[in-house]
Amino acid sequence: MSSTLTIPRPDDWHLHLRDGAMLAAVLPETARHFARAIIMPNLVPPVVTGAQAAAYRDRILAALPESMAFQPLMTLYLTEDTDPDDVAAAHASGLVKAVKLYPAGATTNSASGVADFDRVRAVLERMAEIGLPLCVHGEVTSPDIDIFDREAVFIERVLDPIRRATPGLRVVMEHITTSGAVDYVQANDRDLGATITTHHLVINRNHILVGGIKPHYYCLPVAKRESHRLALVAAATSGDGRYFLGTDSAPHTDALKENACGCAGCFTATNTLSILAEVFEQQDALDKLEGFASRFGPGFYGLPVNSDTITLTKGDPVSYPDHIDTGDGRVTVFDPGFPLHWRVSA
């Protein structure tokens, strides 16, 4: 098998950059390898209007080192008070590429999310009319639902009814974690895509819990059984254009991860491409990495594939830092638990 692989510069279709000092520290970790990224809007307060999205974009670009090229693709946070006209105007301007649905309380900074889905029907119908994708955090938050079942119940009770009630709505199932989600995508190829994270291709729930709690493997949606991880690997390496990379790289300081009520999220921006090359090589599918990382996401969003390229080279194990320092505190870099032999060399 070849020891070099050149692909169009990848994009990240699900990324958390935060704001302020954290933004300044983590942005170069993504911009080093990725040309574009769908930027999550769950700040405090959330990015809910076109004007707020424009201001956040400007802060991102101001934090970008002069030597780096990167395009933030902005999103709006869907609330029960979202104005369909503001959404349409932000999309028409070219600023906003998607709207993000967080069920209220599902994950970090999701308190402003949707509890009554009937109250967002007008927004969803306008989005279907104009072709603006809806990115969904696919979990219900009812306390009677087991955390490992939240994705399956979301598909049944929320996602499928929304899609049936809103023909033409383009939906991205973000960070899918179960074989059931893979099966749902397989059965519904029209107007539906799914992102898969780097960490969900690597860890299962044993990594979080066996031998002591590992807070830096805790994420939402939580990692599931090994059978589900294998289903995700099979989907990502299949060459099916409905699956594409969304890292959900989510920085939290170690102080917030390593405490009695730790935050959910894995910070993978730094070493994602090396990890992906290992995963795809293990499946004899290195030829499929270009589609997953560089082509299928632009295809779903109707954007051109990046014209510049990166080259991955296989050799001695790559050494990545175990953390990065930010103005808010130290952030631990995701550890895949196995050596990485592929490095981005150009």
Foldseek 3Di string as FASTA:
>chain_A
DDQKDKFFQFEAAAEEQAADFSNLFCLCLQQVGHAEYAYAQLYVVGAAFLVSLVVVQVRNVVSDDPVTHHHYAYEHEDALPRDLVRVVVSVVVVRHQAYEADAQPQAPNRPRHYDDVVSCLVNQQSCLVVVRAYEYQQFDDPPVDDLQCGNVVSVVPPVVVSCVVHPNHAYEDEQDAFLVVVVVCVVDVPSYAYEHALLSLQDAVCVQPPPHGDLQQFAPSHHHDPVRSVSVLCVLLVLDLRYAHHHQQDWDAPVQRPDPDHHHHHHASNPRVLSVCVSCVVVVRNVSNNSRGFNSVCVSSVHDTHPDMWMKGFDPFDDDDQWTATPVHITGHDDSPDTGGIDTDD
